[in-house]
């Protein structure tokens, strides 16, 4: 009896700083949402995540990166917010480029799989 199901491969990438997780797909998405929406609060809401969890992730990334990825803007008339630093934007690009290269490699190599 032959089972002609196609094999597939999935992967998840994490960047580490020492032994601690620095960046993964979810954290990159959070950074992108902060960049798009201008605040951690709005980014968290758009991802259906608590503000506390988002804030903790930002703090961890800033602590573990060589240069902070997110800077807070203090409140005032127009309210506070957050901006992604140039280091943060470069890190997002680095992660996405790396993930795309790995995905392309896996796609090509998966064509050779057969069991």
N, C-alpha and C. Protein backbone atom coordinates (compact mmCIF):
# COMPACT_ATOMS: atom_id res chain seq x y z
N UNK A 1 0.85 -1.18 0.00
CA UNK A 1 0.00 0.00 0.00
C UNK A 1 0.89 1.24 0.00
N UNK A 2 0.65 2.13 -0.94
CA UNK A 2 1.47 3.33 -1.09
C UNK A 2 0.76 4.55 -0.51
N UNK A 3 1.49 5.32 0.25
CA UNK A 3 0.96 6.56 0.81
C UNK A 3 1.68 7.71 0.11
N UNK A 4 1.02 8.41 -0.78
CA UNK A 4 1.65 9.44 -1.59
C UNK A 4 1.52 10.84 -0.99
N UNK A 5 1.60 10.95 0.30
CA UNK A 5 1.53 12.26 0.94
C UNK A 5 2.87 12.97 0.76
N UNK A 6 2.77 14.24 0.46
CA UNK A 6 3.96 15.06 0.26
C UNK A 6 4.56 15.46 1.61
N UNK A 7 5.86 15.33 1.72
CA UNK A 7 6.55 15.76 2.94
C UNK A 7 6.75 17.27 2.93
N UNK A 8 6.72 17.85 4.10
CA UNK A 8 7.02 19.28 4.21
C UNK A 8 7.90 19.50 5.43
N UNK A 9 8.55 20.63 5.45
CA UNK A 9 9.44 20.99 6.54
C UNK A 9 9.03 22.37 7.03
N UNK A 10 9.02 22.53 8.35
CA UNK A 10 8.76 23.85 8.91
C UNK A 10 9.92 24.20 9.85
N UNK A 11 10.05 25.47 10.15
CA UNK A 11 11.16 25.92 10.99
C UNK A 11 10.76 27.18 11.73
N UNK A 12 11.50 27.45 12.77
CA UNK A 12 11.32 28.69 13.52
C UNK A 12 12.70 29.19 13.88
N UNK A 13 12.94 30.44 13.62
CA UNK A 13 14.26 31.03 13.88
C UNK A 13 14.19 31.90 15.12
N UNK A 14 15.22 31.77 15.94
CA UNK A 14 15.41 32.65 17.09
C UNK A 14 16.81 33.21 17.03
N UNK A 15 16.96 34.49 17.25
CA UNK A 15 18.27 35.10 17.45
C UNK A 15 18.47 35.16 18.97
N UNK A 16 19.66 34.78 19.41
CA UNK A 16 19.98 34.80 20.83
C UNK A 16 21.06 35.83 21.12
N UNK A 17 21.02 36.36 22.31
CA UNK A 17 22.08 37.21 22.84
C UNK A 17 22.63 36.44 24.04
N UNK A 18 23.79 35.86 23.87
CA UNK A 18 24.27 34.92 24.88
C UNK A 18 23.35 33.72 24.89
N UNK A 19 22.80 33.39 26.06
CA UNK A 19 21.87 32.27 26.18
C UNK A 19 20.41 32.71 26.18
N UNK A 20 20.16 34.01 26.02
CA UNK A 20 18.80 34.53 26.13
C UNK A 20 18.21 34.86 24.76
N UNK A 21 16.92 34.55 24.60
CA UNK A 21 16.23 34.86 23.35
C UNK A 21 16.18 36.38 23.16
N UNK A 22 16.61 36.79 21.99
CA UNK A 22 16.56 38.21 21.65
C UNK A 22 15.39 38.49 20.71
N UNK A 23 15.30 37.70 19.67
CA UNK A 23 14.36 38.03 18.60
C UNK A 23 13.84 36.76 17.92
N UNK A 24 12.54 36.74 17.68
CA UNK A 24 11.88 35.69 16.91
C UNK A 24 10.79 36.35 16.09
N UNK A 25 10.02 35.55 15.39
CA UNK A 25 8.99 36.06 14.49
C UNK A 25 8.00 36.98 15.22
N UNK A 26 7.54 36.58 16.39
CA UNK A 26 6.56 37.39 17.13
C UNK A 26 7.13 38.72 17.59
N UNK A 27 8.38 38.71 18.01
CA UNK A 27 9.00 39.96 18.46
C UNK A 27 9.26 40.89 17.28
N UNK A 28 9.61 40.32 16.14
CA UNK A 28 9.78 41.15 14.94
C UNK A 28 8.44 41.77 14.56
N UNK A 29 7.38 40.98 14.63
CA UNK A 29 6.05 41.53 14.32
C UNK A 29 5.70 42.66 15.29
N UNK A 30 6.03 42.49 16.56
CA UNK A 30 5.77 43.54 17.54
C UNK A 30 6.54 44.81 17.18
N UNK A 31 7.80 44.68 16.83
CA UNK A 31 8.59 45.84 16.43
C UNK A 31 7.98 46.52 15.21
N UNK A 32 7.55 45.74 14.24
CA UNK A 32 6.94 46.30 13.03
C UNK A 32 5.64 47.03 13.36
N UNK A 33 4.85 46.49 14.27
CA UNK A 33 3.60 47.14 14.67
C UNK A 33 3.87 48.43 15.44
N UNK A 34 4.89 48.42 16.29
CA UNK A 34 5.25 49.65 17.01
C UNK A 34 5.66 50.72 15.99
N UNK A 35 6.45 50.31 15.00
CA UNK A 35 6.88 51.25 13.96
C UNK A 35 5.69 51.80 13.19
N UNK A 36 4.76 50.94 12.88
CA UNK A 36 3.57 51.33 12.10
C UNK A 36 2.60 52.18 12.90
N UNK A 37 2.37 51.82 14.18
CA UNK A 37 1.31 52.45 14.97
C UNK A 37 1.81 53.50 15.96
N UNK A 38 3.12 53.55 16.20
CA UNK A 38 3.69 54.61 17.02
C UNK A 38 3.61 54.43 18.53
N UNK A 39 3.13 53.25 18.97
CA UNK A 39 3.10 53.02 20.42
C UNK A 39 3.09 51.53 20.72
N UNK A 40 3.60 51.21 21.89
CA UNK A 40 3.59 49.82 22.35
C UNK A 40 2.16 49.39 22.64
N UNK A 41 1.38 50.28 23.21
CA UNK A 41 -0.01 49.98 23.55
C UNK A 41 -0.82 49.62 22.31
N UNK A 42 -0.74 50.44 21.27
CA UNK A 42 -1.49 50.17 20.05
C UNK A 42 -0.99 48.92 19.35
N UNK A 43 0.32 48.71 19.39
CA UNK A 43 0.89 47.50 18.79
C UNK A 43 0.37 46.26 19.51
N UNK A 44 0.36 46.32 20.84
CA UNK A 44 -0.14 45.18 21.63
C UNK A 44 -1.60 44.89 21.31
N UNK A 45 -2.42 45.93 21.27
CA UNK A 45 -3.84 45.76 20.95
C UNK A 45 -4.03 45.11 19.59
N UNK A 46 -3.26 45.55 18.60
CA UNK A 46 -3.41 45.02 17.24
C UNK A 46 -3.01 43.56 17.15
N UNK A 47 -2.17 43.12 18.10
CA UNK A 47 -1.71 41.73 18.12
C UNK A 47 -2.48 40.89 19.14
N UNK A 48 -3.51 41.50 19.76
CA UNK A 48 -4.30 40.84 20.79
C UNK A 48 -3.40 40.31 21.92
N UNK A 49 -2.53 41.20 22.36
CA UNK A 49 -1.55 40.89 23.41
C UNK A 49 -1.73 41.93 24.51
N UNK A 50 -1.45 41.55 25.73
CA UNK A 50 -1.56 42.53 26.81
C UNK A 50 -0.42 43.55 26.69
N UNK A 51 -0.70 44.75 27.15
CA UNK A 51 0.33 45.80 27.14
C UNK A 51 1.52 45.35 27.97
N UNK A 52 1.25 44.72 29.09
CA UNK A 52 2.32 44.26 29.99
C UNK A 52 3.25 43.28 29.28
N UNK A 53 2.66 42.34 28.55
CA UNK A 53 3.48 41.37 27.82
C UNK A 53 4.32 42.06 26.74
N UNK A 54 3.70 42.97 26.00
CA UNK A 54 4.42 43.69 24.95
C UNK A 54 5.55 44.53 25.55
N UNK A 55 5.25 45.21 26.64
CA UNK A 55 6.25 46.05 27.31
C UNK A 55 7.42 45.19 27.78
N UNK A 56 7.11 44.04 28.35
CA UNK A 56 8.15 43.14 28.83
C UNK A 56 9.03 42.65 27.67
N UNK A 57 8.42 42.33 26.54
CA UNK A 57 9.19 41.90 25.37
C UNK A 57 10.11 43.01 24.88
N UNK A 58 9.61 44.23 24.84
CA UNK A 58 10.42 45.38 24.42
C UNK A 58 11.58 45.58 25.38
N UNK A 59 11.31 45.52 26.67
CA UNK A 59 12.37 45.68 27.66
C UNK A 59 13.44 44.60 27.51
N UNK A 60 13.02 43.35 27.29
CA UNK A 60 13.97 42.25 27.11
C UNK A 60 14.82 42.47 25.86
N UNK A 61 14.18 42.88 24.76
CA UNK A 61 14.94 43.12 23.52
C UNK A 61 15.94 44.25 23.72
N UNK A 62 15.50 45.34 24.35
CA UNK A 62 16.40 46.48 24.58
C UNK A 62 17.57 46.10 25.48
N UNK A 63 17.29 45.30 26.51
CA UNK A 63 18.34 44.88 27.44
C UNK A 63 19.35 43.93 26.78
N UNK A 64 18.86 43.08 25.88
CA UNK A 64 19.71 42.04 25.29
C UNK A 64 20.44 42.49 24.03
N UNK A 65 19.94 43.52 23.38
CA UNK A 65 20.59 44.03 22.17
C UNK A 65 21.75 44.94 22.56
N UNK A 66 22.70 45.11 21.65
CA UNK A 66 23.84 46.00 21.93
C UNK A 66 23.38 47.44 22.04
N UNK A 67 22.40 47.80 21.20
CA UNK A 67 21.83 49.15 21.17
C UNK A 67 20.32 49.00 21.27
N UNK A 68 19.62 49.83 22.04
CA UNK A 68 18.16 49.70 22.16
C UNK A 68 17.47 49.69 20.79
N UNK A 69 16.44 48.84 20.67
CA UNK A 69 15.69 48.71 19.43
C UNK A 69 14.45 49.61 19.43
N UNK A 70 13.99 49.97 20.63
CA UNK A 70 12.79 50.80 20.79
C UNK A 70 13.11 51.91 21.79
N UNK A 71 12.68 53.13 21.45
CA UNK A 71 12.80 54.26 22.39
C UNK A 71 11.42 54.76 22.73
N UNK A 72 11.24 55.09 24.00
CA UNK A 72 9.97 55.63 24.46
C UNK A 72 9.94 57.13 24.23
N UNK A 73 8.77 57.64 23.85
CA UNK A 73 8.55 59.08 23.79
C UNK A 73 7.69 59.44 24.98
N UNK A 74 8.10 60.43 25.73
CA UNK A 74 7.34 60.83 26.90
C UNK A 74 6.04 61.49 26.50
N UNK A 75 5.05 61.37 27.38
CA UNK A 75 3.73 61.95 27.13
C UNK A 75 3.76 63.46 27.12
N UNK A 76 2.64 64.01 26.93
CA UNK A 76 2.49 65.47 26.86
C UNK A 76 1.13 65.73 26.25
N UNK A 77 1.00 66.85 25.57
CA UNK A 77 -0.28 67.16 24.92
C UNK A 77 -0.71 66.07 23.94
N UNK A 78 0.23 65.63 23.14
CA UNK A 78 -0.11 64.63 22.12
C UNK A 78 0.05 63.21 22.64
N UNK A 79 0.40 63.05 23.90
CA UNK A 79 0.56 61.72 24.48
C UNK A 79 1.93 61.16 24.20
N UNK A 80 2.21 60.03 24.79
CA UNK A 80 3.51 59.39 24.61
C UNK A 80 3.51 58.50 23.39
N UNK A 81 4.41 57.58 23.39
CA UNK A 81 4.49 56.64 22.29
C UNK A 81 5.83 55.97 22.30
N UNK A 82 6.15 55.36 21.19
CA UNK A 82 7.43 54.67 21.05
C UNK A 82 7.85 54.71 19.59
N UNK A 83 9.16 54.70 19.38
CA UNK A 83 9.69 54.67 18.02
C UNK A 83 10.74 53.56 17.94
N UNK A 84 10.85 53.00 16.76
CA UNK A 84 11.87 52.00 16.49
C UNK A 84 13.14 52.75 16.11
N UNK A 85 14.22 52.41 16.75
CA UNK A 85 15.50 53.07 16.45
C UNK A 85 16.05 52.55 15.13
N UNK A 86 17.08 53.21 14.62
CA UNK A 86 17.73 52.70 13.40
C UNK A 86 18.26 51.30 13.63
N UNK A 87 18.78 51.04 14.82
CA UNK A 87 19.25 49.68 15.15
C UNK A 87 18.09 48.70 15.10
N UNK A 88 16.93 49.12 15.57
CA UNK A 88 15.73 48.27 15.51
C UNK A 88 15.31 47.98 14.08
N UNK A 89 15.32 49.02 13.25
CA UNK A 89 14.95 48.83 11.84
C UNK A 89 15.94 47.92 11.13
N UNK A 90 17.22 48.09 11.43
CA UNK A 90 18.24 47.22 10.83
C UNK A 90 18.08 45.78 11.30
N UNK A 91 17.72 45.61 12.57
CA UNK A 91 17.53 44.27 13.12
C UNK A 91 16.33 43.58 12.49
N UNK A 92 15.24 44.31 12.27
CA UNK A 92 14.07 43.76 11.60
C UNK A 92 14.46 43.27 10.20
N UNK A 93 15.19 44.10 9.48
CA UNK A 93 15.62 43.73 8.11
C UNK A 93 16.54 42.52 8.14
N UNK A 94 17.49 42.51 9.06
CA UNK A 94 18.42 41.40 9.19
C UNK A 94 17.66 40.09 9.46
N UNK A 95 16.71 40.14 10.38
CA UNK A 95 15.93 38.94 10.71
C UNK A 95 15.13 38.47 9.50
N UNK A 96 14.40 39.40 8.88
CA UNK A 96 13.56 39.01 7.73
C UNK A 96 14.40 38.48 6.57
N UNK A 97 15.52 39.11 6.29
CA UNK A 97 16.40 38.62 5.21
C UNK A 97 16.93 37.22 5.54
N UNK A 98 17.34 37.01 6.77
CA UNK A 98 17.87 35.71 7.19
C UNK A 98 16.78 34.64 7.09
N UNK A 99 15.59 34.98 7.59
CA UNK A 99 14.48 34.03 7.54
C UNK A 99 14.12 33.67 6.09
N UNK A 100 14.12 34.66 5.20
CA UNK A 100 13.82 34.40 3.79
C UNK A 100 14.86 33.49 3.16
N UNK A 101 16.13 33.68 3.49
CA UNK A 101 17.19 32.82 2.96
C UNK A 101 17.03 31.38 3.44
N UNK A 102 16.73 31.22 4.72
CA UNK A 102 16.53 29.88 5.26
C UNK A 102 15.30 29.23 4.62
N UNK A 103 14.22 29.99 4.46
CA UNK A 103 13.00 29.47 3.83
C UNK A 103 13.28 29.00 2.41
N UNK A 104 14.04 29.79 1.66
CA UNK A 104 14.38 29.41 0.29
C UNK A 104 15.22 28.14 0.27
N UNK A 105 16.19 28.05 1.17
CA UNK A 105 17.03 26.85 1.26
C UNK A 105 16.17 25.63 1.58
N UNK A 106 15.29 25.75 2.56
CA UNK A 106 14.44 24.63 2.95
C UNK A 106 13.50 24.24 1.81
N UNK A 107 12.97 25.21 1.12
CA UNK A 107 12.09 24.93 -0.01
C UNK A 107 12.81 24.10 -1.07
N UNK A 108 14.01 24.51 -1.39
CA UNK A 108 14.80 23.79 -2.41
C UNK A 108 15.19 22.39 -1.93
N UNK A 109 15.68 22.29 -0.71
CA UNK A 109 16.11 21.00 -0.18
C UNK A 109 14.94 20.06 0.04
N UNK A 110 13.78 20.60 0.36
CA UNK A 110 12.58 19.76 0.60
C UNK A 110 12.16 19.03 -0.66
N UNK A 111 12.48 19.59 -1.81
CA UNK A 111 12.13 18.92 -3.08
C UNK A 111 12.84 17.58 -3.20
N UNK A 112 13.93 17.42 -2.49
CA UNK A 112 14.74 16.19 -2.57
C UNK A 112 14.29 15.12 -1.58
N UNK A 113 13.36 15.47 -0.69
CA UNK A 113 12.93 14.54 0.34
C UNK A 113 11.96 13.50 -0.21
N UNK A 114 12.19 12.28 0.16
CA UNK A 114 11.22 11.22 -0.14
C UNK A 114 11.40 10.10 0.86
N UNK A 115 10.30 9.57 1.30
CA UNK A 115 10.34 8.45 2.25
C UNK A 115 9.40 7.38 1.72
